[in-house]
Amino acid sequence: MAMASPPSPRLLCALLGDRLGALSARPLLRAAAPGRGHRRVTCQATRTLSSLVDALFNRRSRDDSLENNPRRLRPGKVSPRLTVPSHIQQPPYVNSRQRPQMNGGPEIHDEKGIECMRASGKLAAQVLKFAGTLVNPGITTDEIDKAVHQMIIDNGAYPSPLGYCGFPKSVCTSVNECICHGIPDSRPLEDGDIINIDVTVYLNGYHGDTSATFLCGDVDDEAKKLVQVTKESLDKAISICAPGVEINRIGRTIQDYADKFKYGVVQQFVGHGVGKVFHCEPAVLHFRNSEKGRMILNQTFTIEPMLTIGSTNSSIWSDDWTAVTEDGSLSAQFEHTLLITEDGVEILTQC
């Protein structure tokens, strides 16, 4: 899931169900671009846990106008929330009116924790792979959500997005200009669409978080190129990970690669620490930055760049979740959960 951005970039995160925020001139955990008809909310970022949560869940400016473009996304009908068997362990935030408590430090694991992270990561990868096979013209994102939900609970896990700060579904489905946090609904996929499916599972007390952008039917070359370059930017960022490496190198690597193709890098949503807690530090910025912090042995976090063909600014629908590019241009995203090892890095969310 993708997190939003307020005044201090080090607190940003791109998560599945976090409230969206946006960066202003400087990277913020959550800032909103001012404009007529927009509401602006800015978080005062501090290093306290409560401020971190506020920053991650604030809202950005809203702009639900669809203009006159027939290809622009329209909200569909959202079906009732799916149920999870009572025997399946649920994250602490489920059914709570309280915002999830954020762990102020990174997730560093012992051997048992690493094995649990591998298990949750593997399941998330398998679910995502399955979800990708469902992508065809005519299927609704709600049908994808139901299939993903069933596979997750059949494997004894909980779909982490479900009930996270009120998110109503088990997966995020972000189509075309949707940057992240798209809510599955009744809209059928169309020939030529691209769709990011963001899967997080909670298995044995640990979250595994991953996403990929899939092609639906006959997709034009422009969209294919965006998807390819976004995937390659993630791969390049992963390749530089190792103990002691500065985390800000991730953003520089992604930005340098995106610049070669004149793609924009979304700053409002970032990667994050993940493990027993869905979202925690470090905030992994996907653009050039000078934030401090180095990778630590046995640490787990996500990298999840979002690239756009046009504007990198987002507008949030009235559902308080769906983030779309303000100009309607295409956006693509890929994500992996990573483990820092003695030899470098291990991708936990691959089959």
Protein backbone atom coordinates (compact mmCIF):
# COMPACT_ATOMS: atom_id res chain seq x y z
CA MET A 1 0.00 0.00 0.00
CA ALA A 2 1.21 3.52 -0.61
CA MET A 3 1.68 6.12 2.08
CA ALA A 4 1.29 9.86 1.83
CA SER A 5 3.72 12.64 2.49
CA PRO A 6 3.87 15.50 5.10
CA PRO A 7 6.52 18.06 6.02
CA SER A 8 9.27 15.57 6.70
CA PRO A 9 10.11 13.06 3.99
CA ARG A 10 11.61 10.61 6.40
CA LEU A 11 8.14 9.87 7.69
CA LEU A 12 6.47 9.12 4.38
CA CYS A 13 5.32 5.74 3.30
CA ALA A 14 3.55 4.12 0.40
CA LEU A 15 1.15 1.69 1.87
CA LEU A 16 -1.84 -0.15 0.77
CA GLY A 17 -4.45 1.40 2.97
CA ASP A 18 -2.86 4.50 4.41
CA ARG A 19 -4.57 7.79 3.96
CA LEU A 20 -3.05 9.74 1.13
CA GLY A 21 -1.14 12.90 1.45
CA ALA A 22 0.91 15.03 -0.85
CA LEU A 23 4.19 16.85 -0.91
CA SER A 24 4.44 20.54 -1.45
CA ALA A 25 7.57 22.29 -2.62
CA ARG A 26 9.63 20.12 -0.28
CA PRO A 27 8.84 16.47 0.32
CA LEU A 28 6.25 16.25 3.05
CA LEU A 29 4.51 13.36 4.63
CA ARG A 30 1.28 14.99 3.71
CA ALA A 31 0.71 18.25 2.10
CA ALA A 32 -1.91 19.40 -0.28
CA ALA A 33 -1.55 21.49 -3.35
CA PRO A 34 -3.60 24.64 -2.91
CA GLY A 35 -6.23 25.39 -5.46
CA ARG A 36 -9.79 26.46 -5.96
CA GLY A 37 -12.23 23.89 -4.60
CA HIS A 38 -9.46 22.04 -2.83
CA ARG A 39 -9.02 21.40 0.83
CA ARG A 40 -5.53 21.59 2.18
CA VAL A 41 -4.33 19.72 5.22
CA THR A 42 -0.73 19.79 6.33
CA CYS A 43 0.75 17.67 9.09
CA GLN A 44 3.29 19.00 11.49
CA ALA A 45 5.83 16.19 11.32
CA THR A 46 7.72 15.30 14.45
CA ARG A 47 9.63 12.23 15.44
CA THR A 48 6.91 11.13 17.86
CA LEU A 49 4.78 8.14 17.00
CA SER A 50 1.54 10.09 17.11
CA SER A 51 2.86 12.68 14.68
CA LEU A 52 4.10 9.95 12.39
CA VAL A 53 0.65 8.42 12.26
CA ASP A 54 -0.96 11.79 11.63
CA ALA A 55 1.45 12.48 8.82
CA LEU A 56 0.81 9.17 7.18
CA PHE A 57 -2.94 9.45 7.30
CA ASN A 58 -3.66 13.07 6.51
CA ARG A 59 -5.43 13.98 3.34
CA ARG A 60 -4.32 15.78 0.29
CA SER A 61 -6.29 18.12 -1.91
CA ARG A 62 -9.36 16.68 -3.51
CA ASP A 63 -10.42 17.03 -7.06
CA ASP A 64 -13.13 14.68 -8.22
CA SER A 65 -13.78 16.42 -11.52
CA LEU A 66 -13.75 14.04 -14.45
CA GLU A 67 -13.66 16.76 -17.07
CA ASN A 68 -14.93 15.55 -20.42
CA ASN A 69 -12.54 12.69 -21.07
CA PRO A 70 -14.51 9.46 -21.57
CA ARG A 71 -11.42 7.43 -20.60
CA ARG A 72 -11.07 9.08 -17.21
CA LEU A 73 -11.90 6.80 -14.32
CA ARG A 74 -15.32 7.07 -12.75
CA PRO A 75 -16.19 5.66 -9.34
CA GLY A 76 -18.16 2.43 -9.58
CA LYS A 77 -20.38 0.70 -7.05
CA VAL A 78 -18.53 -0.72 -4.04
CA SER A 79 -19.94 -3.99 -2.73
CA PRO A 80 -20.24 -4.83 0.99
CA ARG A 81 -17.12 -5.69 2.97
CA LEU A 82 -16.11 -9.36 2.85
CA THR A 83 -15.83 -11.45 5.99
CA VAL A 84 -12.85 -13.31 7.42
CA PRO A 85 -13.21 -16.54 9.45
CA SER A 86 -12.83 -15.97 13.18
CA HIS A 87 -9.98 -18.46 13.53
CA ILE A 88 -7.67 -16.34 11.34
CA GLN A 89 -5.40 -14.01 13.25
CA GLN A 90 -6.25 -10.37 12.61
CA PRO A 91 -3.97 -7.33 12.82
CA PRO A 92 -4.55 -5.18 15.92
CA TYR A 93 -6.07 -2.33 13.88
CA VAL A 94 -9.00 -4.34 12.54
CA ASN A 95 -12.37 -3.16 13.87
CA SER A 96 -10.65 -0.48 15.91
CA ARG A 97 -11.72 3.13 15.72
CA GLN A 98 -8.22 4.12 16.68
CA ARG A 99 -5.57 4.84 14.08
CA PRO A 100 -2.98 2.05 14.01
CA GLN A 101 -0.07 2.66 16.34
CA MET A 102 3.13 3.13 14.39
CA ASN A 103 6.41 1.62 15.42
CA GLY A 104 8.86 4.50 15.54
CA GLY A 105 11.86 2.34 14.75
CA PRO A 106 12.78 -0.04 11.92
CA GLU A 107 11.75 -3.69 11.80
CA ILE A 108 14.86 -5.75 12.66
CA HIS A 109 14.27 -9.49 12.85
CA ASP A 110 15.75 -12.52 14.57
CA GLU A 111 15.87 -15.90 12.80
CA LYS A 112 12.28 -16.73 13.67
CA GLY A 113 11.09 -13.35 12.49
CA ILE A 114 12.96 -13.72 9.21
CA GLU A 115 11.31 -17.06 8.54
CA CYS A 116 7.90 -15.56 9.28
CA MET A 117 8.64 -12.68 6.92
CA ARG A 118 9.67 -15.13 4.22
CA ALA A 119 6.40 -17.02 4.66
CA SER A 120 4.20 -13.93 4.48
CA GLY A 121 6.21 -12.54 1.58
CA LYS A 122 5.95 -15.77 -0.37
CA LEU A 123 2.20 -15.95 0.12
CA ALA A 124 1.78 -12.32 -0.95
CA ALA A 125 3.78 -13.06 -4.10
CA GLN A 126 1.69 -16.12 -4.91
CA VAL A 127 -1.54 -14.18 -4.42
CA LEU A 128 -0.30 -11.35 -6.63
CA LYS A 129 0.72 -13.78 -9.36
CA PHE A 130 -2.74 -15.35 -9.23
CA ALA A 131 -4.42 -11.93 -9.31
CA GLY A 132 -2.46 -11.07 -12.44
CA THR A 133 -3.92 -14.07 -14.27
CA LEU A 134 -7.40 -12.62 -13.73
CA VAL A 135 -6.65 -9.39 -15.57
CA ASN A 136 -8.70 -9.47 -18.76
CA PRO A 137 -11.19 -7.12 -20.43
CA GLY A 138 -14.62 -7.45 -18.83
CA ILE A 139 -13.63 -8.55 -15.33
CA THR A 140 -14.45 -6.07 -12.58
CA THR A 141 -11.96 -5.03 -9.95
CA ASP A 142 -14.51 -6.17 -7.39
CA GLU A 143 -14.30 -9.69 -8.83
CA ILE A 144 -10.51 -9.54 -8.54
CA ASP A 145 -10.86 -8.46 -4.91
CA LYS A 146 -13.18 -11.36 -4.10
CA ALA A 147 -10.82 -13.90 -5.69
CA VAL A 148 -7.80 -12.45 -3.88
CA HIS A 149 -9.68 -12.37 -0.59
CA GLN A 150 -10.64 -16.02 -0.92
CA MET A 151 -7.11 -17.16 -1.72
CA ILE A 152 -5.68 -15.27 1.24
CA ILE A 153 -8.10 -16.65 3.79
CA ASP A 154 -7.83 -20.15 2.27
CA ASN A 155 -4.15 -19.96 3.21
CA GLY A 156 -4.90 -18.96 6.79
CA ALA A 157 -3.91 -15.32 6.38
CA TYR A 158 -5.67 -11.99 6.74
CA PRO A 159 -5.83 -9.43 3.89
CA SER A 160 -4.00 -6.53 5.55
CA PRO A 161 -5.82 -3.67 3.76
CA LEU A 162 -9.26 -4.83 4.93
CA GLY A 163 -10.35 -2.52 7.73
CA TYR A 164 -7.08 -0.59 7.75
CA CYS A 165 -8.20 2.92 8.75
CA GLY A 166 -11.55 2.01 7.25
CA PHE A 167 -10.33 0.72 3.88
CA PRO A 168 -13.28 -1.39 2.66
CA LYS A 169 -11.57 -4.01 0.52
CA SER A 170 -8.90 -6.72 0.65
CA VAL A 171 -6.68 -5.42 -2.14
CA CYS A 172 -5.96 -2.13 -3.91
CA THR A 173 -6.69 -1.98 -7.63
CA SER A 174 -5.36 1.15 -9.33
CA VAL A 175 -6.34 1.50 -12.99
CA ASN A 176 -4.73 3.81 -15.59
CA GLU A 177 -4.35 7.27 -14.00
CA CYS A 178 -4.88 5.92 -10.49
CA ILE A 179 -1.56 6.28 -8.66
CA CYS A 180 -2.47 4.06 -5.71
CA HIS A 181 -5.16 3.04 -3.20
CA GLY A 182 -7.85 2.35 -5.78
CA ILE A 183 -10.89 0.72 -4.20
CA PRO A 184 -12.19 -2.34 -6.08
CA ASP A 185 -15.65 -1.70 -7.50
CA SER A 186 -18.08 -2.55 -10.28
CA ARG A 187 -16.06 -1.02 -13.14
CA PRO A 188 -15.09 -3.67 -15.72
CA LEU A 189 -11.55 -3.54 -17.02
CA GLU A 190 -11.32 -2.38 -20.62
CA ASP A 191 -9.07 -3.43 -23.46
CA GLY A 192 -5.94 -1.29 -23.25
CA ASP A 193 -6.10 -0.59 -19.51
CA ILE A 194 -3.19 -0.98 -17.16
CA ILE A 195 -3.87 -1.95 -13.55
CA ASN A 196 -1.73 -2.05 -10.44
CA ILE A 197 -2.76 -4.71 -7.95
CA ASP A 198 -1.37 -4.18 -4.45
CA VAL A 199 -1.48 -7.22 -2.16
CA THR A 200 -0.57 -7.39 1.51
CA VAL A 201 -1.14 -10.44 3.68
CA TYR A 202 -0.90 -10.82 7.45
CA LEU A 203 0.33 -14.33 8.22
CA ASN A 204 1.39 -15.53 11.66
CA GLY A 205 1.70 -11.96 12.87
CA TYR A 206 3.80 -10.59 9.98
CA HIS A 207 2.87 -8.54 6.91
CA GLY A 208 4.13 -9.26 3.38
CA ASP A 209 3.53 -6.39 0.95
CA THR A 210 3.90 -6.39 -2.85
CA SER A 211 2.37 -4.96 -6.01
CA ALA A 212 2.72 -5.04 -9.79
CA THR A 213 1.17 -3.32 -12.78
CA PHE A 214 -0.48 -5.62 -15.32
CA LEU A 215 -1.51 -5.08 -18.94
CA CYS A 216 -5.14 -5.68 -19.89
CA GLY A 217 -5.68 -6.83 -23.46
CA ASP A 218 -4.10 -4.84 -26.27
CA VAL A 219 -2.14 -2.07 -24.52
CA ASP A 220 -0.48 0.68 -26.55
CA ASP A 221 3.29 1.09 -26.70
CA GLU A 222 3.30 4.23 -24.57
CA ALA A 223 1.67 2.44 -21.65
CA LYS A 224 3.81 -0.66 -22.09
CA LYS A 225 6.96 1.46 -21.94
CA LEU A 226 5.85 3.18 -18.73
CA VAL A 227 5.15 -0.16 -17.08
CA GLN A 228 8.49 -1.59 -18.22
CA VAL A 229 10.53 1.38 -17.03
CA THR A 230 8.74 1.45 -13.67
CA LYS A 231 9.60 -2.22 -13.11
CA GLU A 232 13.20 -1.60 -14.16
CA SER A 233 13.49 1.36 -11.78
CA LEU A 234 12.49 -0.89 -8.88
CA ASP A 235 14.97 -3.56 -9.96
CA LYS A 236 17.78 -1.01 -10.13
CA ALA A 237 16.92 0.35 -6.69
CA ILE A 238 16.90 -3.14 -5.19
CA SER A 239 20.31 -3.89 -6.70
CA ILE A 240 22.06 -1.22 -4.61
CA CYS A 241 20.64 -2.42 -1.27
CA ALA A 242 23.01 -3.83 1.38
CA PRO A 243 23.94 -3.26 5.03
CA GLY A 244 25.30 0.24 5.60
CA VAL A 245 24.05 1.69 2.31
CA GLU A 246 22.38 5.10 2.64
CA ILE A 247 18.64 4.77 2.14
CA ASN A 248 18.55 7.97 0.11
CA ARG A 249 20.45 6.17 -2.66
CA ILE A 250 17.18 4.38 -3.47
CA GLY A 251 15.49 7.61 -4.47
CA ARG A 252 18.48 8.84 -6.44
CA THR A 253 18.67 5.57 -8.36
CA ILE A 254 14.97 5.62 -9.26
CA GLN A 255 14.93 9.31 -10.18
CA ASP A 256 18.04 9.04 -12.34
CA TYR A 257 16.52 6.17 -14.30
CA ALA A 258 13.09 7.78 -14.68
CA ASP A 259 14.70 10.99 -15.92
CA LYS A 260 16.23 9.15 -18.85
CA PHE A 261 12.72 8.51 -20.16
CA LYS A 262 11.26 11.86 -19.05
CA TYR A 263 8.88 10.16 -16.62
CA GLY A 264 7.75 11.79 -13.41
CA VAL A 265 8.34 10.22 -10.00
CA VAL A 266 5.47 10.60 -7.55
CA GLN A 267 6.66 12.13 -4.28
CA GLN A 268 3.44 11.96 -2.27
CA PHE A 269 3.70 8.24 -1.54
CA VAL A 270 6.70 6.29 -0.35
CA GLY A 271 8.07 2.93 0.72
CA HIS A 272 8.16 1.95 4.38
CA GLY A 273 9.36 -0.44 7.01
CA VAL A 274 7.15 -3.51 7.32
CA GLY A 275 6.99 -6.62 9.50
CA LYS A 276 4.92 -7.11 12.63
CA VAL A 277 3.74 -3.57 11.93
CA PHE A 278 2.13 -2.76 8.57
CA HIS A 279 3.91 0.60 8.24
CA CYS A 280 6.87 1.92 10.16
CA GLU A 281 10.19 3.66 9.60
CA PRO A 282 12.17 4.07 7.50
CA ALA A 283 10.24 6.13 4.99
CA VAL A 284 11.73 5.17 1.64
CA LEU A 285 11.60 8.14 -0.72
CA HIS A 286 11.59 7.30 -4.42
CA PHE A 287 13.05 10.62 -5.58
CA ARG A 288 16.32 12.46 -4.99
CA ASN A 289 16.65 13.49 -1.37
CA SER A 290 19.19 14.08 1.37
CA GLU A 291 17.45 12.20 4.16
CA LYS A 292 19.67 10.46 6.68
CA GLY A 293 19.69 6.78 7.55
CA ARG A 294 21.38 3.57 6.47
CA MET A 295 20.19 0.05 5.81
CA ILE A 296 20.59 -2.37 8.72
CA LEU A 297 21.27 -6.10 8.70
CA ASN A 298 18.03 -8.14 9.06
CA GLN A 299 15.88 -5.08 8.40
CA THR A 300 12.74 -5.32 6.25
CA PHE A 301 11.15 -2.55 4.22
CA THR A 302 9.42 -1.93 0.90
CA ILE A 303 10.43 -0.05 -2.20
CA GLU A 304 7.45 0.88 -4.40
CA PRO A 305 8.09 3.56 -7.03
CA MET A 306 5.18 5.19 -8.84
CA LEU A 307 6.06 6.72 -12.22
CA THR A 308 3.85 8.87 -14.43
CA ILE A 309 3.81 9.98 -18.05
CA GLY A 310 2.52 13.43 -17.08
CA SER A 311 1.84 15.23 -13.83
CA THR A 312 3.11 13.74 -10.58
CA ASN A 313 0.55 15.70 -8.55
CA SER A 314 -2.38 13.74 -7.19
CA SER A 315 -6.03 14.41 -6.53
CA ILE A 316 -7.96 12.37 -3.99
CA TRP A 317 -11.50 11.21 -4.67
CA SER A 318 -14.26 11.78 -2.14
CA ASP A 319 -13.75 8.21 -0.87
CA ASP A 320 -10.59 9.58 0.83
CA TRP A 321 -8.47 6.84 -0.71
CA THR A 322 -8.31 6.84 -4.51
CA ALA A 323 -5.33 8.93 -5.66
CA VAL A 324 -5.28 9.87 -9.34
CA THR A 325 -2.95 12.02 -11.41
CA GLU A 326 -4.42 15.50 -11.61
CA ASP A 327 -4.07 15.61 -15.40
CA GLY A 328 -5.39 12.09 -16.03
CA SER A 329 -2.03 10.80 -17.28
CA LEU A 330 -1.07 7.16 -16.80
CA SER A 331 0.72 5.97 -13.67
CA ALA A 332 2.43 2.63 -12.97
CA GLN A 333 3.84 1.07 -9.80
CA PHE A 334 5.79 -1.99 -8.66
CA GLU A 335 6.64 -3.02 -5.11
CA HIS A 336 8.63 -5.63 -3.20
CA THR A 337 9.26 -6.34 0.47
CA LEU A 338 13.00 -6.66 1.03
CA LEU A 339 15.28 -8.16 3.68
CA ILE A 340 18.77 -6.73 4.17
CA THR A 341 21.23 -9.63 4.41
CA GLU A 342 24.96 -10.03 4.95
CA ASP A 343 25.37 -10.55 1.20
CA GLY A 344 23.17 -7.63 0.20
CA VAL A 345 19.41 -8.02 -0.12
CA GLU A 346 16.77 -10.74 -0.43
CA ILE A 347 13.48 -10.14 -2.21
CA LEU A 348 10.87 -11.71 0.05
CA THR A 349 7.89 -11.18 -2.24
CA GLN A 350 8.73 -13.31 -5.22
CA CYS A 351 7.61 -16.82 -6.07
